[in-house]
């Protein structure tokens, strides 16, 4: 099993103005409501190699919830005036990425494909 590499908390603070909160034994959570005006929460667990995203409406109703395992790399991407969290995944069967754009507007995109082993090439 490979390691889930996560950024230094100070990098998250510098990019988004939000510090990761300890919300479980090995889980960290970023809450972006004060930054974006949107009730968006991003959680990650380096030991469990998982991430979760929740996005609620102003009235508190669930707009989107996503949970993924098999995370390998979490990084901050800042380009063209946009700041995003980018998560790379790989399991025995799939590979992909999850992009959670925080600034200037919130958006979530994901791509997941079947993984091809070297034996299949």
Protein backbone atom coordinates (compact mmCIF):
# COMPACT_ATOMS: atom_id res chain seq x y z
CA UNK A 1 0.00 0.00 0.00
CA UNK A 2 1.35 3.43 -0.88
CA UNK A 3 1.45 6.49 1.33
CA UNK A 4 -1.02 9.42 1.12
CA UNK A 5 1.11 12.57 0.90
CA UNK A 6 -0.57 15.72 2.22
CA UNK A 7 0.68 19.31 2.26
CA UNK A 8 2.09 21.12 5.25
CA UNK A 9 -0.81 22.82 7.10
CA UNK A 10 0.86 26.22 6.64
CA UNK A 11 0.56 25.83 2.86
CA UNK A 12 -3.22 25.38 3.26
CA UNK A 13 -3.41 28.46 5.47
CA UNK A 14 -1.39 30.50 2.95
CA UNK A 15 -3.51 29.37 -0.03
CA UNK A 16 -7.01 29.53 1.50
CA UNK A 17 -6.78 31.38 4.81
CA UNK A 18 -8.09 28.27 6.57
CA UNK A 19 -6.26 26.02 9.00
CA UNK A 20 -7.00 22.29 9.05
CA UNK A 21 -8.89 21.28 12.20
CA UNK A 22 -8.22 17.95 13.89
CA UNK A 23 -11.61 16.18 13.64
CA UNK A 24 -10.63 12.59 14.33
CA UNK A 25 -7.66 10.55 15.36
CA UNK A 26 -6.04 10.94 11.94
CA UNK A 27 -8.57 13.15 10.14
CA UNK A 28 -8.21 16.84 9.30
CA UNK A 29 -11.01 19.13 8.11
CA UNK A 30 -11.00 22.41 6.21
CA UNK A 31 -14.13 24.57 6.49
CA UNK A 32 -14.43 27.19 3.74
CA UNK A 33 -17.67 29.05 4.63
CA UNK A 34 -15.88 32.19 5.85
CA UNK A 35 -13.67 32.27 2.75
CA UNK A 36 -16.22 31.52 0.03
CA UNK A 37 -19.64 32.19 1.55
CA UNK A 38 -20.45 28.59 0.54
CA UNK A 39 -20.83 25.86 3.16
CA UNK A 40 -18.06 23.64 1.77
CA UNK A 41 -16.09 21.22 3.93
CA UNK A 42 -13.10 19.16 2.80
CA UNK A 43 -11.77 16.35 5.04
CA UNK A 44 -8.76 14.13 4.60
CA UNK A 45 -7.26 11.20 6.47
CA UNK A 46 -3.62 10.52 5.69
CA UNK A 47 -3.61 7.12 7.43
CA UNK A 48 -6.95 6.00 5.95
CA UNK A 49 -5.95 7.40 2.52
CA UNK A 50 -9.39 8.98 2.14
CA UNK A 51 -10.99 12.35 1.40
CA UNK A 52 -14.50 13.68 1.73
CA UNK A 53 -16.26 16.77 0.40
CA UNK A 54 -19.59 18.15 1.63
CA UNK A 55 -21.36 21.14 0.09
CA UNK A 56 -24.57 22.43 1.67
CA UNK A 57 -27.09 25.03 0.50
CA UNK A 58 -27.66 28.22 2.50
CA UNK A 59 -30.62 26.50 4.19
CA UNK A 60 -28.39 23.58 5.25
CA UNK A 61 -29.67 21.04 2.72
CA UNK A 62 -27.17 18.70 1.15
CA UNK A 63 -26.06 19.87 -2.28
CA UNK A 64 -23.26 17.33 -2.70
CA UNK A 65 -21.40 14.73 -0.66
CA UNK A 66 -18.46 12.78 -1.98
CA UNK A 67 -16.16 10.26 -0.29
CA UNK A 68 -13.19 8.57 -1.93
CA UNK A 69 -10.54 6.11 -0.78
CA UNK A 70 -7.21 5.25 -2.33
CA UNK A 71 -5.84 8.80 -2.15
CA UNK A 72 -2.13 9.10 -2.92
CA UNK A 73 -1.44 12.83 -3.14
CA UNK A 74 -3.19 15.99 -1.94
CA UNK A 75 -1.77 19.24 -3.19
CA UNK A 76 -2.67 22.89 -3.57
CA UNK A 77 -2.80 24.20 -7.13
CA UNK A 78 -2.79 27.95 -7.71
CA UNK A 79 -2.94 29.11 -11.33
CA UNK A 80 -4.85 31.58 -13.51
CA UNK A 81 -6.36 33.25 -10.42
CA UNK A 82 -7.81 29.96 -9.17
CA UNK A 83 -6.94 28.10 -5.98
CA UNK A 84 -7.77 24.40 -5.82
CA UNK A 85 -7.24 21.25 -3.83
CA UNK A 86 -6.19 18.45 -6.15
CA UNK A 87 -6.30 14.84 -4.98
CA UNK A 88 -4.76 12.01 -6.99
CA UNK A 89 -6.15 8.50 -6.45
CA UNK A 90 -5.06 5.00 -7.35
CA UNK A 91 -6.52 1.66 -6.34
CA UNK A 92 -5.96 -1.78 -7.82
CA UNK A 93 -8.74 -1.13 -10.34
CA UNK A 94 -8.97 2.65 -10.80
CA UNK A 95 -6.95 5.84 -11.10
CA UNK A 96 -8.15 9.41 -11.16
CA UNK A 97 -8.27 12.83 -9.63
CA UNK A 98 -10.63 15.05 -7.69
CA UNK A 99 -10.33 18.80 -8.10
CA UNK A 100 -12.05 21.05 -5.56
CA UNK A 101 -11.77 24.66 -6.66
CA UNK A 102 -12.23 27.03 -3.73
CA UNK A 103 -11.38 30.42 -5.22
CA UNK A 104 -12.66 32.50 -6.94
CA UNK A 105 -15.81 30.29 -7.03
CA UNK A 106 -16.46 26.80 -5.70
CA UNK A 107 -16.58 23.94 -8.18
CA UNK A 108 -15.91 20.22 -7.98
CA UNK A 109 -14.75 17.98 -10.82
CA UNK A 110 -13.70 14.38 -10.80
CA UNK A 111 -12.31 11.89 -13.26
CA UNK A 112 -11.94 8.20 -12.53
CA UNK A 113 -10.75 5.60 -15.01
CA UNK A 114 -9.99 1.92 -14.92
CA UNK A 115 -6.33 1.41 -14.07
CA UNK A 116 -4.22 -0.61 -16.46
CA UNK A 117 -1.57 -2.81 -14.89
CA UNK A 118 1.83 -3.20 -16.50
CA UNK A 119 0.97 -6.83 -17.20
CA UNK A 120 -1.89 -5.70 -19.45
CA UNK A 121 0.28 -3.42 -21.61
